Amino acid sequence: MKIHVTKSYLDMARSVIDTAVYGDKEKEIADDVLFSLMSCTYVFSFMALTSFCASHLHEFWVADSSKLKEKYNHCGNFEELMAGPLKEVKVALRELCALLEVEKLHIARPKAWRELNELLKGYRDYFIHPNPENFHEHIEATSNLEWGFPSKVVAEIISYFFEATHRQVPSWVKQSGLRSRGFDAI
């Protein structure tokens, strides 16, 4: 079985957006359910982007006469590289741009770069490390964004790399191959 990890994560991020929520309880449970779904879109979108970076950087790592191994010769293996110097997704994206010899993302697509920063802030501050003192203020601000914001940002960034290297953007980048029939809130 061959798994396309980036596609799977992006599909999952989108599937929770396009789903129905069923349940007997009203507003009280709806807020919790919506937060759960919103957190899934952020987490899976982030995972899609990191897996995209990792899979492409890995190709450079294992290549003969690897420029990546040469540059990061203090890293004994790929896992060490991704847990150390290229741990941060923005750093990994910059490195990928350099290796592919394409314009840096923040220059080529400044709006996507700004949105990436917003996505990362939401992911880190609101869903991974929530601060109880101002959590509800942050969630309110995040919930004012377009519902599919995280997956759209990731799709834009992935599209950039295909377009910048003159390759066709795969259909899965723009549309999901997964649907959810809904969740029962109990």
N, C-alpha and C. Protein backbone atom coordinates (compact mmCIF):
# COMPACT_ATOMS: atom_id res chain seq x y z
N MET A 1 0.85 -1.17 0.00
CA MET A 1 0.00 0.00 0.00
C MET A 1 0.91 1.24 0.00
N LYS A 2 0.71 2.11 -0.96
CA LYS A 2 1.47 3.34 -1.03
C LYS A 2 0.60 4.48 -0.50
N ILE A 3 1.13 5.22 0.45
CA ILE A 3 0.37 6.31 1.07
C ILE A 3 1.01 7.64 0.70
N HIS A 4 0.20 8.56 0.28
CA HIS A 4 0.66 9.92 0.01
C HIS A 4 0.29 10.72 1.26
N VAL A 5 1.25 10.89 2.14
CA VAL A 5 1.00 11.47 3.46
C VAL A 5 0.49 12.91 3.36
N THR A 6 1.13 13.73 2.55
CA THR A 6 0.71 15.13 2.44
C THR A 6 -0.74 15.23 1.97
N LYS A 7 -1.09 14.47 0.95
CA LYS A 7 -2.46 14.47 0.44
C LYS A 7 -3.43 14.00 1.52
N SER A 8 -3.06 12.96 2.23
CA SER A 8 -3.94 12.42 3.28
C SER A 8 -4.21 13.45 4.37
N TYR A 9 -3.16 14.13 4.81
CA TYR A 9 -3.34 15.15 5.85
C TYR A 9 -4.19 16.32 5.34
N LEU A 10 -3.92 16.75 4.11
CA LEU A 10 -4.69 17.86 3.55
C LEU A 10 -6.15 17.46 3.36
N ASP A 11 -6.38 16.24 2.90
CA ASP A 11 -7.75 15.73 2.77
C ASP A 11 -8.46 15.73 4.13
N MET A 12 -7.77 15.31 5.16
CA MET A 12 -8.37 15.27 6.49
C MET A 12 -8.70 16.67 6.98
N ALA A 13 -7.79 17.61 6.75
CA ALA A 13 -8.04 19.00 7.16
C ALA A 13 -9.29 19.55 6.49
N ARG A 14 -9.48 19.19 5.23
CA ARG A 14 -10.66 19.69 4.50
C ARG A 14 -11.93 18.93 4.86
N SER A 15 -11.81 17.65 5.16
CA SER A 15 -13.02 16.86 5.41
C SER A 15 -13.75 17.31 6.66
N VAL A 16 -13.01 17.78 7.67
CA VAL A 16 -13.69 18.23 8.88
C VAL A 16 -14.34 19.58 8.67
N ILE A 17 -13.93 20.30 7.65
CA ILE A 17 -14.56 21.58 7.32
C ILE A 17 -15.92 21.33 6.69
N ASP A 18 -15.95 20.36 5.80
CA ASP A 18 -17.15 20.08 5.01
C ASP A 18 -17.91 18.92 5.62
N THR A 19 -18.39 19.11 6.84
CA THR A 19 -19.10 18.03 7.52
C THR A 19 -20.28 18.59 8.28
N ALA A 20 -21.18 17.74 8.60
CA ALA A 20 -22.35 18.13 9.40
C ALA A 20 -22.14 17.64 10.82
N VAL A 21 -22.71 18.36 11.75
CA VAL A 21 -22.65 17.96 13.16
C VAL A 21 -24.09 17.72 13.62
N TYR A 22 -24.32 16.54 14.16
CA TYR A 22 -25.64 16.16 14.63
C TYR A 22 -25.61 16.05 16.15
N GLY A 23 -26.70 16.41 16.77
CA GLY A 23 -26.79 16.26 18.22
C GLY A 23 -28.05 16.91 18.75
N ASP A 24 -28.41 16.52 19.95
CA ASP A 24 -29.63 17.02 20.58
C ASP A 24 -29.39 18.33 21.32
N LYS A 25 -28.19 18.51 21.81
CA LYS A 25 -27.93 19.71 22.61
C LYS A 25 -27.65 20.88 21.69
N GLU A 26 -27.97 22.06 22.16
CA GLU A 26 -27.85 23.25 21.33
C GLU A 26 -26.48 23.90 21.45
N LYS A 27 -26.44 25.18 21.70
CA LYS A 27 -25.24 26.02 21.66
C LYS A 27 -24.08 25.48 22.50
N GLU A 28 -24.37 24.98 23.68
CA GLU A 28 -23.31 24.51 24.58
C GLU A 28 -22.41 23.48 23.90
N ILE A 29 -23.00 22.50 23.29
CA ILE A 29 -22.20 21.47 22.64
C ILE A 29 -21.69 21.94 21.28
N ALA A 30 -22.42 22.79 20.62
CA ALA A 30 -22.01 23.26 19.30
C ALA A 30 -20.68 24.00 19.35
N ASP A 31 -20.46 24.84 20.36
CA ASP A 31 -19.19 25.56 20.49
C ASP A 31 -18.03 24.60 20.66
N ASP A 32 -18.20 23.59 21.50
CA ASP A 32 -17.14 22.61 21.71
C ASP A 32 -16.86 21.82 20.43
N VAL A 33 -17.90 21.44 19.75
CA VAL A 33 -17.74 20.68 18.51
C VAL A 33 -17.06 21.54 17.45
N LEU A 34 -17.48 22.78 17.31
CA LEU A 34 -16.85 23.66 16.34
C LEU A 34 -15.38 23.89 16.65
N PHE A 35 -15.05 24.04 17.92
CA PHE A 35 -13.64 24.18 18.30
C PHE A 35 -12.87 22.91 17.94
N SER A 36 -13.45 21.76 18.20
CA SER A 36 -12.79 20.49 17.85
C SER A 36 -12.51 20.41 16.36
N LEU A 37 -13.51 20.76 15.56
CA LEU A 37 -13.33 20.72 14.11
C LEU A 37 -12.30 21.75 13.65
N MET A 38 -12.36 22.95 14.23
CA MET A 38 -11.42 24.00 13.87
C MET A 38 -10.00 23.55 14.21
N SER A 39 -9.82 22.94 15.36
CA SER A 39 -8.47 22.49 15.74
C SER A 39 -7.97 21.43 14.78
N CYS A 40 -8.86 20.55 14.33
CA CYS A 40 -8.45 19.52 13.35
C CYS A 40 -7.97 20.15 12.05
N THR A 41 -8.65 21.20 11.60
CA THR A 41 -8.22 21.83 10.34
C THR A 41 -6.83 22.43 10.49
N TYR A 42 -6.55 23.02 11.64
CA TYR A 42 -5.22 23.60 11.87
C TYR A 42 -4.15 22.51 12.00
N VAL A 43 -4.42 21.52 12.81
CA VAL A 43 -3.42 20.47 13.06
C VAL A 43 -3.12 19.70 11.77
N PHE A 44 -4.14 19.26 11.07
CA PHE A 44 -3.89 18.48 9.86
C PHE A 44 -3.32 19.33 8.72
N SER A 45 -3.67 20.60 8.65
CA SER A 45 -3.06 21.48 7.65
C SER A 45 -1.57 21.64 7.94
N PHE A 46 -1.24 21.87 9.20
CA PHE A 46 0.16 21.98 9.59
C PHE A 46 0.91 20.69 9.26
N MET A 47 0.32 19.56 9.57
CA MET A 47 0.96 18.28 9.29
C MET A 47 1.15 18.08 7.79
N ALA A 48 0.20 18.53 6.98
CA ALA A 48 0.34 18.43 5.53
C ALA A 48 1.54 19.23 5.05
N LEU A 49 1.70 20.43 5.58
CA LEU A 49 2.81 21.28 5.16
C LEU A 49 4.15 20.70 5.61
N THR A 50 4.23 20.23 6.84
CA THR A 50 5.50 19.67 7.31
C THR A 50 5.84 18.38 6.57
N SER A 51 4.86 17.57 6.25
CA SER A 51 5.15 16.35 5.50
C SER A 51 5.58 16.67 4.07
N PHE A 52 4.99 17.72 3.48
CA PHE A 52 5.40 18.16 2.14
C PHE A 52 6.88 18.56 2.16
N CYS A 53 7.24 19.39 3.14
CA CYS A 53 8.64 19.83 3.26
C CYS A 53 9.56 18.62 3.47
N ALA A 54 9.19 17.76 4.40
CA ALA A 54 10.04 16.61 4.72
C ALA A 54 10.23 15.69 3.52
N SER A 55 9.16 15.41 2.80
CA SER A 55 9.30 14.48 1.67
C SER A 55 10.19 15.06 0.58
N HIS A 56 10.08 16.36 0.32
CA HIS A 56 10.91 16.97 -0.72
C HIS A 56 12.35 17.17 -0.25
N LEU A 57 12.52 17.56 0.98
CA LEU A 57 13.88 17.71 1.50
C LEU A 57 14.59 16.36 1.58
N HIS A 58 13.83 15.31 1.87
CA HIS A 58 14.41 13.96 1.92
C HIS A 58 15.00 13.56 0.57
N GLU A 59 14.33 13.93 -0.51
CA GLU A 59 14.85 13.63 -1.85
C GLU A 59 16.22 14.27 -2.04
N PHE A 60 16.38 15.49 -1.55
CA PHE A 60 17.67 16.16 -1.65
C PHE A 60 18.71 15.52 -0.72
N TRP A 61 18.26 15.07 0.44
CA TRP A 61 19.16 14.46 1.41
C TRP A 61 19.77 13.17 0.87
N VAL A 62 18.96 12.34 0.22
CA VAL A 62 19.44 11.03 -0.24
C VAL A 62 20.08 11.08 -1.63
N ALA A 63 20.04 12.22 -2.28
CA ALA A 63 20.63 12.34 -3.62
C ALA A 63 22.15 12.18 -3.56
N ASP A 64 22.71 11.66 -4.66
CA ASP A 64 24.16 11.60 -4.78
C ASP A 64 24.72 13.01 -4.71
N SER A 65 25.85 13.18 -4.07
CA SER A 65 26.48 14.50 -3.90
C SER A 65 25.49 15.50 -3.32
N SER A 66 24.83 15.12 -2.26
CA SER A 66 23.78 15.91 -1.65
C SER A 66 24.28 17.26 -1.12
N LYS A 67 23.74 18.33 -1.68
CA LYS A 67 24.06 19.68 -1.19
C LYS A 67 23.53 19.86 0.23
N LEU A 68 22.43 19.20 0.52
CA LEU A 68 21.83 19.31 1.84
C LEU A 68 22.72 18.65 2.91
N LYS A 69 23.25 17.45 2.59
CA LYS A 69 24.17 16.79 3.52
C LYS A 69 25.45 17.60 3.69
N GLU A 70 25.89 18.18 2.60
CA GLU A 70 27.11 18.98 2.66
C GLU A 70 26.91 20.21 3.55
N LYS A 71 25.78 20.88 3.37
CA LYS A 71 25.50 22.08 4.15
C LYS A 71 25.30 21.77 5.63
N TYR A 72 24.63 20.66 5.92
CA TYR A 72 24.33 20.28 7.30
C TYR A 72 25.12 19.02 7.67
N ASN A 73 26.41 19.05 7.43
CA ASN A 73 27.25 17.87 7.65
C ASN A 73 27.36 17.47 9.12
N HIS A 74 26.93 18.32 10.03
CA HIS A 74 26.93 17.98 11.45
C HIS A 74 25.73 17.10 11.82
N CYS A 75 24.79 16.94 10.90
CA CYS A 75 23.64 16.07 11.14
C CYS A 75 23.96 14.68 10.60
N GLY A 76 23.85 13.69 11.46
CA GLY A 76 24.20 12.34 11.07
C GLY A 76 23.17 11.63 10.21
N ASN A 77 21.92 12.09 10.28
CA ASN A 77 20.87 11.47 9.48
C ASN A 77 19.75 12.49 9.24
N PHE A 78 18.80 12.10 8.42
CA PHE A 78 17.72 13.01 8.04
C PHE A 78 16.85 13.39 9.23
N GLU A 79 16.60 12.44 10.09
CA GLU A 79 15.79 12.72 11.27
C GLU A 79 16.42 13.81 12.14
N GLU A 80 17.72 13.73 12.28
CA GLU A 80 18.45 14.73 13.06
C GLU A 80 18.35 16.11 12.39
N LEU A 81 18.41 16.13 11.07
CA LEU A 81 18.27 17.38 10.31
C LEU A 81 16.91 18.02 10.57
N MET A 82 15.86 17.20 10.49
CA MET A 82 14.50 17.72 10.62
C MET A 82 14.13 18.03 12.09
N ALA A 83 14.83 17.43 13.02
CA ALA A 83 14.58 17.73 14.43
C ALA A 83 15.45 18.87 14.92
N GLY A 84 16.43 19.25 14.11
CA GLY A 84 17.37 20.30 14.50
C GLY A 84 17.25 21.52 13.62
N PRO A 85 18.18 21.69 12.68
CA PRO A 85 18.24 22.92 11.88
C PRO A 85 16.97 23.22 11.08
N LEU A 86 16.27 22.20 10.62
CA LEU A 86 15.08 22.43 9.78
C LEU A 86 13.78 22.09 10.51
N LYS A 87 13.82 22.19 11.81
CA LYS A 87 12.64 21.87 12.63
C LYS A 87 11.48 22.82 12.35
N GLU A 88 11.77 24.10 12.23
CA GLU A 88 10.73 25.10 11.99
C GLU A 88 10.30 25.07 10.53
N VAL A 89 9.01 25.05 10.29
CA VAL A 89 8.49 24.90 8.93
C VAL A 89 8.91 26.06 8.02
N LYS A 90 9.00 27.26 8.54
CA LYS A 90 9.41 28.39 7.69
C LYS A 90 10.87 28.25 7.26
N VAL A 91 11.70 27.74 8.14
CA VAL A 91 13.11 27.51 7.79
C VAL A 91 13.20 26.39 6.74
N ALA A 92 12.40 25.34 6.92
CA ALA A 92 12.38 24.24 5.95
C ALA A 92 11.90 24.74 4.59
N LEU A 93 10.90 25.61 4.57
CA LEU A 93 10.41 26.16 3.30
C LEU A 93 11.48 27.01 2.62
N ARG A 94 12.21 27.80 3.40
CA ARG A 94 13.30 28.61 2.82
C ARG A 94 14.38 27.72 2.22
N GLU A 95 14.71 26.66 2.93
CA GLU A 95 15.73 25.72 2.44
C GLU A 95 15.25 25.03 1.17
N LEU A 96 14.00 24.66 1.13
CA LEU A 96 13.44 24.02 -0.06
C LEU A 96 13.49 24.97 -1.26
N CYS A 97 13.17 26.23 -1.04
CA CYS A 97 13.27 27.23 -2.11
C CYS A 97 14.70 27.31 -2.63
N ALA A 98 15.66 27.34 -1.72
CA ALA A 98 17.07 27.44 -2.12
C ALA A 98 17.49 26.21 -2.92
N LEU A 99 17.12 25.04 -2.47
CA LEU A 99 17.50 23.81 -3.15
C LEU A 99 16.86 23.69 -4.54
N LEU A 100 15.62 24.15 -4.63
CA LEU A 100 14.91 24.10 -5.92
C LEU A 100 15.29 25.28 -6.82
N GLU A 101 16.03 26.22 -6.24
CA GLU A 101 16.47 27.42 -6.95
C GLU A 101 15.27 28.22 -7.49
N VAL A 102 14.30 28.41 -6.58
CA VAL A 102 13.13 29.23 -6.90
C VAL A 102 13.10 30.42 -5.96
N GLU A 103 12.37 31.43 -6.35
CA GLU A 103 12.27 32.63 -5.53
C GLU A 103 11.69 32.27 -4.16
N LYS A 104 12.21 32.92 -3.13
CA LYS A 104 11.73 32.66 -1.78
C LYS A 104 10.24 32.96 -1.71
N LEU A 105 9.56 32.16 -0.95
CA LEU A 105 8.10 32.25 -0.83
C LEU A 105 7.64 33.62 -0.36
N HIS A 106 8.32 34.20 0.60
CA HIS A 106 7.88 35.50 1.13
C HIS A 106 8.01 36.61 0.10
N ILE A 107 8.83 36.42 -0.91
CA ILE A 107 8.96 37.39 -2.00
C ILE A 107 7.98 37.08 -3.12
N ALA A 108 7.91 35.81 -3.50
CA ALA A 108 7.05 35.40 -4.62
C ALA A 108 5.57 35.48 -4.27
N ARG A 109 5.22 35.11 -3.07
CA ARG A 109 3.82 35.09 -2.63
C ARG A 109 3.71 35.72 -1.24
N PRO A 110 3.88 37.04 -1.14
CA PRO A 110 3.86 37.67 0.18
C PRO A 110 2.55 37.46 0.95
N LYS A 111 1.43 37.42 0.25
CA LYS A 111 0.16 37.19 0.94
C LYS A 111 0.14 35.79 1.55
N ALA A 112 0.59 34.81 0.80
CA ALA A 112 0.64 33.44 1.33
C ALA A 112 1.59 33.35 2.52
N TRP A 113 2.70 34.09 2.47
CA TRP A 113 3.65 34.09 3.58
C TRP A 113 3.03 34.71 4.83
N ARG A 114 2.31 35.83 4.64
CA ARG A 114 1.62 36.46 5.78
C ARG A 114 0.58 35.51 6.37
N GLU A 115 -0.16 34.86 5.49
CA GLU A 115 -1.18 33.92 5.96
C GLU A 115 -0.55 32.71 6.64
N LEU A 116 0.62 32.28 6.14
CA LEU A 116 1.33 31.19 6.81
C LEU A 116 1.69 31.60 8.23
N ASN A 117 2.18 32.81 8.39
CA ASN A 117 2.51 33.30 9.74
C ASN A 117 1.28 33.30 10.64
N GLU A 118 0.15 33.70 10.09
CA GLU A 118 -1.10 33.71 10.86
C GLU A 118 -1.53 32.28 11.21
N LEU A 119 -1.40 31.37 10.24
CA LEU A 119 -1.73 29.97 10.47
C LEU A 119 -0.84 29.40 11.57
N LEU A 120 0.46 29.65 11.49
CA LEU A 120 1.39 29.11 12.49
C LEU A 120 1.12 29.68 13.88
N LYS A 121 0.79 30.96 13.94
CA LYS A 121 0.46 31.57 15.22
C LYS A 121 -0.81 30.93 15.79
N GLY A 122 -1.82 30.75 14.96
CA GLY A 122 -3.04 30.09 15.41
C GLY A 122 -2.79 28.67 15.86
N TYR A 123 -2.02 27.95 15.09
CA TYR A 123 -1.69 26.55 15.41
C TYR A 123 -0.98 26.47 16.76
N ARG A 124 0.04 27.27 16.92
CA ARG A 124 0.87 27.23 18.13
C ARG A 124 0.14 27.82 19.35
N ASP A 125 -0.38 29.03 19.19
CA ASP A 125 -0.92 29.76 20.34
C ASP A 125 -2.32 29.33 20.75
N TYR A 126 -3.10 28.85 19.84
CA TYR A 126 -4.50 28.58 20.16
C TYR A 126 -4.82 27.10 20.28
N PHE A 127 -4.09 26.27 19.55
CA PHE A 127 -4.46 24.86 19.55
C PHE A 127 -3.43 23.95 20.21
N ILE A 128 -2.15 24.25 20.09
CA ILE A 128 -1.13 23.39 20.68
C ILE A 128 -0.76 23.84 22.09
N HIS A 129 -0.59 25.13 22.29
CA HIS A 129 -0.22 25.66 23.61
C HIS A 129 -1.21 26.75 24.04
N PRO A 130 -2.48 26.40 24.28
CA PRO A 130 -3.46 27.43 24.62
C PRO A 130 -3.19 28.06 25.99
N ASN A 131 -3.31 29.37 26.04
CA ASN A 131 -3.13 30.13 27.28
C ASN A 131 -4.52 30.42 27.85
N PRO A 132 -4.84 29.87 29.01
CA PRO A 132 -6.18 30.05 29.57
C PRO A 132 -6.55 31.51 29.83
N GLU A 133 -5.57 32.38 30.06
CA GLU A 133 -5.86 33.77 30.37
C GLU A 133 -6.51 34.52 29.20
N ASN A 134 -6.09 34.23 28.00
CA ASN A 134 -6.66 34.96 26.85
C ASN A 134 -7.13 34.02 25.74
N PHE A 135 -7.37 32.79 26.10
CA PHE A 135 -7.76 31.77 25.14
C PHE A 135 -9.00 32.16 24.34
N HIS A 136 -10.04 32.60 25.02
CA HIS A 136 -11.30 32.91 24.33
C HIS A 136 -11.17 34.10 23.38
N GLU A 137 -10.34 35.07 23.73
CA GLU A 137 -10.09 36.20 22.81
C GLU A 137 -9.43 35.71 21.53
N HIS A 138 -8.45 34.83 21.69
CA HIS A 138 -7.73 34.31 20.54
C HIS A 138 -8.63 33.43 19.67
N ILE A 139 -9.42 32.61 20.31
CA ILE A 139 -10.32 31.74 19.55
C ILE A 139 -11.34 32.58 18.78
N GLU A 140 -11.82 33.64 19.39
CA GLU A 140 -12.75 34.53 18.70
C GLU A 140 -12.10 35.11 17.45
N ALA A 141 -10.87 35.57 17.57
CA ALA A 141 -10.15 36.14 16.42
C ALA A 141 -9.92 35.07 15.35
N THR A 142 -9.54 33.88 15.76
CA THR A 142 -9.32 32.78 14.82
C THR A 142 -10.61 32.37 14.14
N SER A 143 -11.70 32.36 14.89
CA SER A 143 -12.97 31.94 14.31
C SER A 143 -13.53 32.98 13.33
N ASN A 144 -12.98 34.19 13.34
CA ASN A 144 -13.40 35.21 12.36
C ASN A 144 -12.74 35.00 10.99
N LEU A 145 -11.75 34.13 10.94
CA LEU A 145 -11.12 33.82 9.65
C LEU A 145 -12.04 32.93 8.83
N GLU A 146 -11.79 32.88 7.55
CA GLU A 146 -12.54 31.98 6.67
C GLU A 146 -12.41 30.55 7.21
N TRP A 147 -13.49 29.80 7.17
CA TRP A 147 -13.54 28.47 7.78
C TRP A 147 -12.43 27.55 7.26
N GLY A 148 -12.14 27.57 6.00
CA GLY A 148 -11.12 26.71 5.42
C GLY A 148 -9.74 27.35 5.35
N PHE A 149 -9.53 28.41 6.11
CA PHE A 149 -8.29 29.17 6.05
C PHE A 149 -7.02 28.31 6.11
N PRO A 150 -6.85 27.43 7.10
CA PRO A 150 -5.59 26.69 7.20
C PRO A 150 -5.29 25.83 5.96
N SER A 151 -6.28 25.08 5.49
CA SER A 151 -6.03 24.20 4.35
C SER A 151 -5.83 25.00 3.06
N LYS A 152 -6.49 26.14 2.93
CA LYS A 152 -6.29 26.99 1.75
C LYS A 152 -4.89 27.58 1.72
N VAL A 153 -4.37 27.98 2.87
CA VAL A 153 -3.01 28.52 2.95
C VAL A 153 -2.01 27.44 2.54
N VAL A 154 -2.17 26.26 3.07
CA VAL A 154 -1.26 25.16 2.76
C VAL A 154 -1.35 24.80 1.28
N ALA A 155 -2.55 24.76 0.73
CA ALA A 155 -2.71 24.46 -0.70
C ALA A 155 -2.02 25.52 -1.56
N GLU A 156 -2.11 26.77 -1.16
CA GLU A 156 -1.45 27.86 -1.90
C GLU A 156 0.07 27.69 -1.88
N ILE A 157 0.61 27.33 -0.74
CA ILE A 157 2.06 27.16 -0.61
C ILE A 157 2.53 25.95 -1.41
N ILE A 158 1.83 24.85 -1.30
CA ILE A 158 2.21 23.66 -2.07
C ILE A 158 2.11 23.96 -3.56
N SER A 159 1.05 24.65 -3.97
CA SER A 159 0.89 25.02 -5.38
C SER A 159 2.07 25.83 -5.88
N TYR A 160 2.54 26.75 -5.04
CA TYR A 160 3.67 27.59 -5.43
C TYR A 160 4.87 26.74 -5.87
N PHE A 161 5.19 25.71 -5.11
CA PHE A 161 6.36 24.91 -5.43
C PHE A 161 6.20 24.16 -6.75
N PHE A 162 4.99 23.70 -7.05
CA PHE A 162 4.76 23.06 -8.35
C PHE A 162 4.88 24.09 -9.47
N GLU A 163 4.24 25.22 -9.29
CA GLU A 163 4.25 26.26 -10.32
C GLU A 163 5.65 26.83 -10.53
N ALA A 164 6.38 27.07 -9.47
CA ALA A 164 7.72 27.66 -9.57
C ALA A 164 8.71 26.72 -10.25
N THR A 165 8.45 25.42 -10.18
CA THR A 165 9.32 24.44 -10.84
C THR A 165 8.72 23.95 -12.16
N HIS A 166 7.72 24.68 -12.64
CA HIS A 166 7.09 24.44 -13.94
C HIS A 166 6.49 23.03 -14.06
N ARG A 167 5.87 22.62 -12.97
CA ARG A 167 5.16 21.34 -12.98
C ARG A 167 3.68 21.59 -12.74
N GLN A 168 2.86 20.70 -13.22
CA GLN A 168 1.41 20.86 -13.04
C GLN A 168 1.05 20.59 -11.58
N VAL A 169 0.20 21.45 -11.05
CA VAL A 169 -0.28 21.27 -9.68
C VAL A 169 -1.25 20.09 -9.67
N PRO A 170 -0.98 19.08 -8.86
CA PRO A 170 -1.89 17.93 -8.79
C PRO A 170 -3.28 18.36 -8.32
N SER A 171 -4.29 17.67 -8.79
CA SER A 171 -5.67 18.03 -8.45
C SER A 171 -5.93 17.96 -6.95
N TRP A 172 -5.27 17.05 -6.24
CA TRP A 172 -5.52 16.90 -4.80
C TRP A 172 -5.10 18.14 -4.01
N VAL A 173 -4.23 18.97 -4.59
CA VAL A 173 -3.80 20.17 -3.88
C VAL A 173 -4.97 21.15 -3.77
N LYS A 174 -5.78 21.23 -4.80
CA LYS A 174 -6.88 22.20 -4.83
C LYS A 174 -8.21 21.64 -4.34
N GLN A 175 -8.39 20.33 -4.44
CA GLN A 175 -9.66 19.77 -3.99
C GLN A 175 -9.44 18.46 -3.26
N SER A 176 -10.30 18.20 -2.31
CA SER A 176 -10.15 17.04 -1.44
C SER A 176 -10.69 15.77 -2.10
N GLY A 177 -10.10 14.66 -1.72
CA GLY A 177 -10.58 13.37 -2.14
C GLY A 177 -11.27 12.62 -1.02
N LEU A 178 -11.60 13.34 0.04
CA LEU A 178 -12.20 12.73 1.22
C LEU A 178 -13.39 13.55 1.67
N ARG A 179 -14.48 12.87 2.01
CA ARG A 179 -15.65 13.55 2.55
C ARG A 179 -16.07 12.88 3.83
N SER A 180 -16.64 13.68 4.70
CA SER A 180 -17.17 13.16 5.95
C SER A 180 -18.67 13.31 5.93
N ARG A 181 -19.38 12.29 6.35
CA ARG A 181 -20.84 12.37 6.39
C ARG A 181 -21.31 13.11 7.63
N GLY A 182 -20.43 13.29 8.58
CA GLY A 182 -20.80 14.05 9.76
C GLY A 182 -20.38 13.38 11.05
N PHE A 183 -20.59 14.11 12.13
CA PHE A 183 -20.26 13.63 13.45
C PHE A 183 -21.50 13.71 14.31
N ASP A 184 -21.65 12.76 15.20
CA ASP A 184 -22.72 12.81 16.19
C ASP A 184 -22.16 13.38 17.46
N ALA A 185 -22.72 14.47 17.95
CA ALA A 185 -22.32 15.06 19.22
C ALA A 185 -23.19 14.45 20.31
N ILE A 186 -22.57 13.76 21.25
CA ILE A 186 -23.36 13.10 22.29
C ILE A 186 -23.06 13.69 23.66
